[in-house]
C-alpha atoms as a PDB file:
ATOM      1  CA  MET A   1     -30.840  11.491  -6.446  1.00  0.00           C
ATOM      2  CA  ARG A   2     -31.807   8.868  -3.615  1.00  0.00           C
ATOM      3  CA  GLY A   3     -30.213  10.947  -0.745  1.00  0.00           C
ATOM      4  CA  PHE A   4     -26.722  10.478   0.383  1.00  0.00           C
ATOM      5  CA  GLU A   5     -24.570   8.011  -1.831  1.00  0.00           C
ATOM      6  CA  PRO A   6     -21.179   6.693  -0.888  1.00  0.00           C
ATOM      7  CA  ALA A   7     -18.297   8.438  -2.694  1.00  0.00           C
ATOM      8  CA  ALA A   8     -17.001   5.090  -3.917  1.00  0.00           C
ATOM      9  CA  THR A   9     -20.161   4.533  -6.106  1.00  0.00           C
ATOM     10  CA  LEU A  10     -19.840   7.754  -7.461  1.00  0.00           C
ATOM     11  CA  ILE A  11     -16.426   7.555  -8.871  1.00  0.00           C
ATOM     12  CA  ALA A  12     -16.427   3.801  -9.680  1.00  0.00           C
ATOM     13  CA  PRO A  13     -17.538   4.094 -13.302  1.00  0.00           C
ATOM     14  CA  GLN A  14     -14.634   6.496 -14.084  1.00  0.00           C
ATOM     15  CA  LEU A  15     -12.050   4.559 -11.938  1.00  0.00           C
ATOM     16  CA  ARG A  16     -13.120   1.429 -13.866  1.00  0.00           C
ATOM     17  CA  ARG A  17     -12.754   3.212 -17.351  1.00  0.00           C
ATOM     18  CA  SER A  18      -9.408   4.377 -16.542  1.00  0.00           C
ATOM     19  CA  ALA A  19      -8.258   1.122 -15.190  1.00  0.00           C
ATOM     20  CA  GLU A  20      -9.578  -0.764 -18.214  1.00  0.00           C
ATOM     21  CA  SER A  21      -7.882   1.774 -20.556  1.00  0.00           C
ATOM     22  CA  ARG A  22      -4.469   0.563 -18.912  1.00  0.00           C
ATOM     23  CA  GLY A  23      -5.256  -3.113 -19.245  1.00  0.00           C
ATOM     24  CA  PHE A  24      -6.406  -3.667 -15.501  1.00  0.00           C
ATOM     25  CA  ALA A  25      -9.647  -5.839 -15.579  1.00  0.00           C
ATOM     26  CA  VAL A  26      -9.517  -5.594 -11.669  1.00  0.00           C
ATOM     27  CA  ALA A  27      -9.394  -2.010 -10.576  1.00  0.00           C
ATOM     28  CA  ARG A  28      -8.576  -3.402  -7.140  1.00  0.00           C
ATOM     29  CA  LEU A  29      -4.926  -4.132  -8.368  1.00  0.00           C
ATOM     30  CA  LEU A  30      -4.509  -0.380  -8.548  1.00  0.00           C
ATOM     31  CA  THR A  31      -6.363   0.726  -5.499  1.00  0.00           C
ATOM     32  CA  ASP A  32      -5.297  -1.915  -3.016  1.00  0.00           C
ATOM     33  CA  TRP A  33      -1.483  -2.065  -4.136  1.00  0.00           C
ATOM     34  CA  PRO A  34       0.211  -1.796  -0.569  1.00  0.00           C
ATOM     35  CA  GLU A  35      -2.440  -4.507   0.792  1.00  0.00           C
ATOM     36  CA  ILE A  36      -1.645  -6.872  -2.046  1.00  0.00           C
ATOM     37  CA  VAL A  37       2.102  -6.794  -2.235  1.00  0.00           C
ATOM     38  CA  GLY A  38       2.711  -5.421   1.369  1.00  0.00           C
ATOM     39  CA  ALA A  39       3.787  -2.026   2.557  1.00  0.00           C
ATOM     40  CA  GLN A  40       7.597  -2.563   2.115  1.00  0.00           C
ATOM     41  CA  THR A  41       7.217  -3.512  -1.608  1.00  0.00           C
ATOM     42  CA  ALA A  42       4.430  -0.900  -2.418  1.00  0.00           C
ATOM     43  CA  ALA A  43       6.730   1.874  -0.892  1.00  0.00           C
ATOM     44  CA  HIS A  44       8.922   1.676  -3.981  1.00  0.00           C
ATOM     45  CA  THR A  45       6.682  -0.070  -6.580  1.00  0.00           C
ATOM     46  CA  ARG A  46       3.721   0.748  -8.639  1.00  0.00           C
ATOM     47  CA  PRO A  47       1.665  -1.106 -11.170  1.00  0.00           C
ATOM     48  CA  VAL A  48       1.804   0.403 -14.474  1.00  0.00           C
ATOM     49  CA  LYS A  49      -0.317  -1.616 -17.086  1.00  0.00           C
ATOM     50  CA  VAL A  50      -1.286  -5.118 -17.869  1.00  0.00           C
ATOM     51  CA  SER A  51      -0.764  -6.180 -21.652  1.00  0.00           C
ATOM     52  CA  HIS A  52      -1.816  -9.252 -23.389  1.00  0.00           C
ATOM     53  CA  SER A  53       0.206 -10.404 -26.363  1.00  0.00           C
ATOM     54  CA  ARG A  54      -0.525 -13.088 -29.057  1.00  0.00           C
ATOM     55  CA  THR A  55       2.925 -14.153 -29.441  1.00  0.00           C
ATOM     56  CA  GLN A  56       3.915 -15.103 -25.720  1.00  0.00           C
ATOM     57  CA  GLY A  57       0.924 -17.506 -25.095  1.00  0.00           C
ATOM     58  CA  LEU A  58      -1.619 -17.460 -22.323  1.00  0.00           C
ATOM     59  CA  GLY A  59      -1.562 -15.167 -19.638  1.00  0.00           C
ATOM     60  CA  ALA A  60      -0.916 -11.386 -19.587  1.00  0.00           C
ATOM     61  CA  THR A  61       2.285  -9.300 -18.654  1.00  0.00           C
ATOM     62  CA  LEU A  62       2.141  -6.983 -15.440  1.00  0.00           C
ATOM     63  CA  THR A  63       4.349  -3.956 -15.858  1.00  0.00           C
ATOM     64  CA  ILE A  64       5.728  -2.636 -12.502  1.00  0.00           C
ATOM     65  CA  LEU A  65       7.496   0.807 -12.028  1.00  0.00           C
ATOM     66  CA  THR A  66      10.186   1.148  -9.468  1.00  0.00           C
ATOM     67  CA  ASP A  67      13.542   3.159  -9.011  1.00  0.00           C
ATOM     68  CA  GLY A  68      16.870   1.794 -10.271  1.00  0.00           C
ATOM     69  CA  ALA A  69      18.081   1.145  -6.580  1.00  0.00           C
ATOM     70  CA  HIS A  70      15.159  -1.102  -5.472  1.00  0.00           C
ATOM     71  CA  ALA A  71      15.125  -2.968  -8.975  1.00  0.00           C
ATOM     72  CA  PRO A  72      17.426  -5.744  -7.916  1.00  0.00           C
ATOM     73  CA  LEU A  73      14.941  -6.311  -4.598  1.00  0.00           C
ATOM     74  CA  VAL A  74      11.704  -6.172  -6.786  1.00  0.00           C
ATOM     75  CA  GLN A  75      13.325  -8.584  -9.112  1.00  0.00           C
ATOM     76  CA  MET A  76      13.923 -11.019  -6.162  1.00  0.00           C
ATOM     77  CA  GLU A  77      10.183 -10.518  -4.979  1.00  0.00           C
ATOM     78  CA  LEU A  78       8.449 -11.270  -8.566  1.00  0.00           C
ATOM     79  CA  PRO A  79       7.251 -14.804  -7.912  1.00  0.00           C
ATOM     80  CA  ARG A  80       5.779 -13.534  -4.780  1.00  0.00           C
ATOM     81  CA  ILE A  81       4.238 -10.669  -6.222  1.00  0.00           C
ATOM     82  CA  ARG A  82       2.901 -12.614  -9.294  1.00  0.00           C
ATOM     83  CA  GLU A  83       1.413 -15.131  -6.712  1.00  0.00           C
ATOM     84  CA  ARG A  84      -0.392 -12.250  -4.791  1.00  0.00           C
ATOM     85  CA  VAL A  85      -1.538 -10.458  -7.957  1.00  0.00           C
ATOM     86  CA  ASN A  86      -2.973 -13.863  -9.291  1.00  0.00           C
ATOM     87  CA  ALA A  87      -4.578 -14.647  -5.912  1.00  0.00           C
ATOM     88  CA  VAL A  88      -6.567 -11.064  -6.498  1.00  0.00           C
ATOM     89  CA  TYR A  89      -7.771 -12.161  -9.969  1.00  0.00           C
ATOM     90  CA  GLY A  90      -8.766 -15.764  -8.721  1.00  0.00           C
ATOM     91  CA  PHE A  91      -7.057 -17.487 -11.463  1.00  0.00           C
ATOM     92  CA  ASN A  92      -3.551 -17.686 -13.160  1.00  0.00           C
ATOM     93  CA  ALA A  93      -4.106 -14.262 -15.136  1.00  0.00           C
ATOM     94  CA  ILE A  94      -0.447 -12.788 -15.004  1.00  0.00           C
ATOM     95  CA  ALA A  95       2.094 -14.859 -16.519  1.00  0.00           C
ATOM     96  CA  ARG A  96       5.058 -12.653 -16.754  1.00  0.00           C
ATOM     97  CA  ILE A  97       6.082  -9.342 -14.845  1.00  0.00           C
ATOM     98  CA  THR A  98       8.342  -6.880 -16.245  1.00  0.00           C
ATOM     99  CA  ILE A  99       9.920  -4.028 -14.438  1.00  0.00           C
ATOM    100  CA  THR A 100      10.526  -0.717 -15.457  1.00  0.00           C
ATOM    101  CA  GLN A 101      13.004   1.627 -13.883  1.00  0.00           C
ATOM    102  CA  THR A 102      12.856   5.276 -13.629  1.00  0.00           C
ATOM    103  CA  ALA A 103      15.219   7.868 -11.836  1.00  0.00           C
ATOM    104  CA  ALA A 104      13.714  10.164  -9.084  1.00  0.00           C
ATOM    105  CA  GLN A 105      14.973  13.369 -10.956  1.00  0.00           C
ATOM    106  CA  GLY A 106      15.019  13.903 -14.897  1.00  0.00           C
ATOM    107  CA  PHE A 107      12.249  14.172 -17.390  1.00  0.00           C
ATOM    108  CA  ALA A 108       8.786  15.117 -16.091  1.00  0.00           C
ATOM    109  CA  GLU A 109       7.467  11.583 -17.830  1.00  0.00           C
ATOM    110  CA  GLY A 110      10.209   9.731 -16.105  1.00  0.00           C
ATOM    111  CA  GLN A 111       9.673  10.865 -12.729  1.00  0.00           C
ATOM    112  CA  ALA A 112       8.350   8.397  -9.966  1.00  0.00           C
ATOM    113  CA  GLU A 113       6.449   9.357  -6.985  1.00  0.00           C
ATOM    114  CA  PHE A 114       5.601   6.480  -4.665  1.00  0.00           C
ATOM    115  CA  LEU A 115       2.956   7.648  -1.855  1.00  0.00           C
ATOM    116  CA  HIS A 116       2.512   4.152  -0.545  1.00  0.00           C
ATOM    117  CA  ARG A 117       5.371   4.522   2.337  1.00  0.00           C
ATOM    118  CA  PRO A 118       4.088   4.074   5.786  1.00  0.00           C
ATOM    119  CA  PRO A 119       4.376   7.389   7.819  1.00  0.00           C
ATOM    120  CA  ALA A 120       7.691   7.719   9.939  1.00  0.00           C
ATOM    121  CA  PRO A 121       6.657   7.465  13.825  1.00  0.00           C
ATOM    122  CA  CYS A 122       7.075  10.535  15.724  1.00  0.00           C
ATOM    123  CA  ALA A 123       9.842  10.113  18.286  1.00  0.00           C
ATOM    124  CA  ALA A 124       9.169  13.003  20.505  1.00  0.00           C
ATOM    125  CA  PRO A 125       9.897  12.456  24.292  1.00  0.00           C
ATOM    126  CA  LEU A 126       7.142  12.067  26.498  1.00  0.00           C
ATOM    127  CA  PRO A 127       7.083  13.785  29.919  1.00  0.00           C
ATOM    128  CA  PRO A 128       7.624  11.437  32.782  1.00  0.00           C
ATOM    129  CA  GLU A 129       4.090  12.241  34.146  1.00  0.00           C
ATOM    130  CA  ALA A 130       2.390  10.971  30.983  1.00  0.00           C
ATOM    131  CA  ALA A 131       4.258   7.481  31.224  1.00  0.00           C
ATOM    132  CA  ALA A 132       3.016   7.435  35.080  1.00  0.00           C
ATOM    133  CA  ALA A 133      -0.430   8.440  33.938  1.00  0.00           C
ATOM    134  CA  ALA A 134      -0.419   5.458  31.183  1.00  0.00           C
ATOM    135  CA  GLU A 135       0.737   3.036  33.882  1.00  0.00           C
ATOM    136  CA  ALA A 136      -2.114   4.053  36.277  1.00  0.00           C
ATOM    137  CA  VAL A 137      -4.680   3.489  33.285  1.00  0.00           C
ATOM    138  CA  ALA A 138      -3.186   0.068  32.568  1.00  0.00           C
ATOM    139  CA  ALA A 139      -3.081  -0.971  36.278  1.00  0.00           C
ATOM    140  CA  ARG A 140      -7.003  -0.672  36.339  1.00  0.00           C
ATOM    141  CA  PHE A 141      -7.215  -3.880  33.991  1.00  0.00           C
ATOM    142  CA  ASP A 142      -6.628  -7.411  35.064  1.00  0.00           C
ATOM    143  CA  ASP A 143      -6.093  -8.628  31.582  1.00  0.00           C
ATOM    144  CA  PRO A 144      -2.704  -8.278  30.320  1.00  0.00           C
ATOM    145  CA  LYS A 145      -3.496  -7.747  26.675  1.00  0.00           C
ATOM    146  CA  LEU A 146      -6.121  -5.322  27.588  1.00  0.00           C
ATOM    147  CA  ALA A 147      -3.879  -3.425  30.058  1.00  0.00           C
ATOM    148  CA  ASP A 148      -1.047  -3.144  27.270  1.00  0.00           C
ATOM    149  CA  SER A 149      -3.723  -1.965  24.831  1.00  0.00           C
ATOM    150  CA  MET A 150      -4.900   0.597  27.204  1.00  0.00           C
ATOM    151  CA  ARG A 151      -1.241   1.714  28.075  1.00  0.00           C
ATOM    152  CA  ARG A 152      -0.408   2.164  24.362  1.00  0.00           C
ATOM    153  CA  LEU A 153      -3.712   4.356  23.945  1.00  0.00           C
ATOM    154  CA  ALA A 154      -2.915   6.461  26.784  1.00  0.00           C
ATOM    155  CA  LEU A 155       0.571   6.942  25.562  1.00  0.00           C
ATOM    156  CA  ALA A 156      -0.584   7.746  22.076  1.00  0.00           C
ATOM    157  CA  ARG A 157      -3.100  10.325  23.091  1.00  0.00           C
ATOM    158  CA  ALA A 158      -0.326  12.021  25.352  1.00  0.00           C
ATOM    159  CA  ALA A 159       2.099  12.050  22.341  1.00  0.00           C
ATOM    160  CA  ARG A 160      -0.796  13.454  20.335  1.00  0.00           C
ATOM    161  CA  ALA A 161      -1.455  16.170  22.684  1.00  0.00           C
ATOM    162  CA  ALA A 162       2.244  17.002  23.167  1.00  0.00           C
ATOM    163  CA  ARG A 163       2.395  17.691  19.221  1.00  0.00           C
ATOM    164  CA  ARG A 164      -0.480  20.147  19.533  1.00  0.00           C
END
């Protein structure tokens, strides 16, 4: 051992083997899916595998899992998804994208759980003195952007304290 090591270096070989067994030459496609395709698309899609075919010419086929209700929306975004995925690879590696649909309930193998959904904002009302305190904090700064940032920070801290 050389002392402390980052967790990413400890799991990188296992992640690489797992990704390569499903056809992913770039594991980043799996780990950074929300950043690649966007949070809205990632909330209801997931990359499943990359397959290469001798009969379909150059380029691989990316299979994306989605539920039936979102499949038409994902179908419309396929050119944008293909462009962004190929940007990750650095060349035109993905020639085709296929969509696999699954139901939210049913057989255990067919269930899909998409965890990339952004957290819902907490809409708890703040007391008026918290808003007044945030305005007082913002009034101490001349720069309007900095004042707005400090106001939002003070409101966020007050909201967090109110949840406890």
